[in-house]
């Protein structure tokens, strides 16, 4: 096991933690199916869920990556990318 892995898959935590010198990177990825019909709301829920995993580890989000899996013929991507997924992260930039 890599000694820089502070939190790995064996702990069943919300995120993994990797040590880089005197800084630690908290990383998480989630995948879940759409739970609402509105693409904006789905994007907002997905982003908030990922951010909550970082907060659960006691860390401060610095950036976010979005992985989207959904029925593209039924939900337009522009609704998610244009507002839903960026809505929670914009609030972070203001704080």
Protein backbone atom coordinates (compact mmCIF):
# COMPACT_ATOMS: atom_id res chain seq x y z
CA UNK A 1 0.00 0.00 0.00
CA UNK A 2 1.20 3.49 -0.88
CA UNK A 3 2.12 5.31 2.39
CA UNK A 4 0.72 8.55 0.94
CA UNK A 5 -2.80 7.08 0.85
CA UNK A 6 -4.28 8.44 4.07
CA UNK A 7 -7.83 7.27 3.37
CA UNK A 8 -8.38 4.49 0.85
CA UNK A 9 -11.14 2.16 -0.28
CA UNK A 10 -10.82 -0.04 2.80
CA UNK A 11 -12.41 2.60 5.07
CA UNK A 12 -15.68 3.08 3.14
CA UNK A 13 -15.40 6.86 3.63
CA UNK A 14 -17.06 9.54 1.50
CA UNK A 15 -13.79 10.36 -0.27
CA UNK A 16 -10.20 9.28 -0.61
CA UNK A 17 -7.28 11.26 0.80
CA UNK A 18 -3.79 11.30 -0.71
CA UNK A 19 -0.80 13.10 0.82
CA UNK A 20 1.33 15.38 -1.39
CA UNK A 21 4.18 16.66 0.76
CA UNK A 22 2.50 18.68 3.51
CA UNK A 23 -0.83 18.99 1.64
CA UNK A 24 -3.56 16.38 1.29
CA UNK A 25 -5.88 15.96 -1.69
CA UNK A 26 -9.43 14.86 -0.94
CA UNK A 27 -11.04 13.31 -4.02
CA UNK A 28 -14.45 11.81 -4.62
CA UNK A 29 -16.59 10.63 -7.52
CA UNK A 30 -20.24 9.62 -7.50
CA UNK A 31 -22.57 8.04 -9.98
CA UNK A 32 -26.30 7.86 -9.59
CA UNK A 33 -29.25 7.81 -11.92
CA UNK A 34 -31.50 10.87 -12.39
CA UNK A 35 -33.89 11.26 -9.48
CA UNK A 36 -35.77 14.22 -10.95
CA UNK A 37 -37.01 15.04 -14.45
CA UNK A 38 -35.61 18.56 -14.66
CA UNK A 39 -31.98 18.59 -15.94
CA UNK A 40 -31.14 21.79 -14.02
CA UNK A 41 -32.31 20.25 -10.74
CA UNK A 42 -30.51 16.98 -11.47
CA UNK A 43 -27.25 18.83 -12.12
CA UNK A 44 -27.68 20.86 -8.96
CA UNK A 45 -28.35 17.74 -6.88
CA UNK A 46 -25.36 15.92 -8.38
CA UNK A 47 -22.99 18.82 -7.68
CA UNK A 48 -24.26 19.32 -4.13
CA UNK A 49 -23.89 15.59 -3.44
CA UNK A 50 -20.26 15.57 -4.60
CA UNK A 51 -19.44 18.71 -2.62
CA UNK A 52 -21.00 17.24 0.52
CA UNK A 53 -18.58 14.29 0.30
CA UNK A 54 -15.63 16.71 0.43
CA UNK A 55 -17.15 18.57 3.40
CA UNK A 56 -17.81 15.24 5.16
CA UNK A 57 -14.05 14.64 5.11
CA UNK A 58 -13.42 18.03 6.74
CA UNK A 59 -11.93 19.52 3.58
CA UNK A 60 -12.55 22.67 1.54
CA UNK A 61 -13.49 22.23 -2.15
CA UNK A 62 -11.05 23.91 -4.54
CA UNK A 63 -12.40 22.59 -7.85
CA UNK A 64 -15.05 20.24 -9.14
CA UNK A 65 -15.26 17.77 -12.00
CA UNK A 66 -18.64 16.58 -13.23
CA UNK A 67 -19.28 13.14 -14.64
CA UNK A 68 -22.72 12.88 -16.18
CA UNK A 69 -24.59 9.70 -16.99
CA UNK A 70 -28.20 10.13 -18.07
CA UNK A 71 -30.59 9.53 -20.98
CA UNK A 72 -29.42 12.26 -23.39
CA UNK A 73 -32.40 11.76 -25.68
CA UNK A 74 -34.71 12.62 -22.80
CA UNK A 75 -32.77 15.30 -20.90
CA UNK A 76 -30.78 18.05 -22.64
CA UNK A 77 -27.16 18.44 -21.53
CA UNK A 78 -27.30 22.24 -21.70
CA UNK A 79 -29.65 22.41 -18.72
CA UNK A 80 -27.16 20.60 -16.52
CA UNK A 81 -23.96 22.20 -17.71
CA UNK A 82 -25.35 25.70 -18.17
CA UNK A 83 -26.66 26.08 -14.67
CA UNK A 84 -27.49 23.07 -12.59
CA UNK A 85 -24.00 21.73 -11.96
CA UNK A 86 -22.45 25.17 -11.63
CA UNK A 87 -25.08 26.58 -9.27
CA UNK A 88 -23.68 25.08 -6.01
CA UNK A 89 -20.07 25.77 -6.99
CA UNK A 90 -20.76 29.45 -7.69
CA UNK A 91 -21.83 29.85 -4.07
CA UNK A 92 -18.46 28.43 -2.99
CA UNK A 93 -16.56 30.97 -5.07
CA UNK A 94 -18.38 33.76 -3.26
CA UNK A 95 -17.31 32.51 0.19
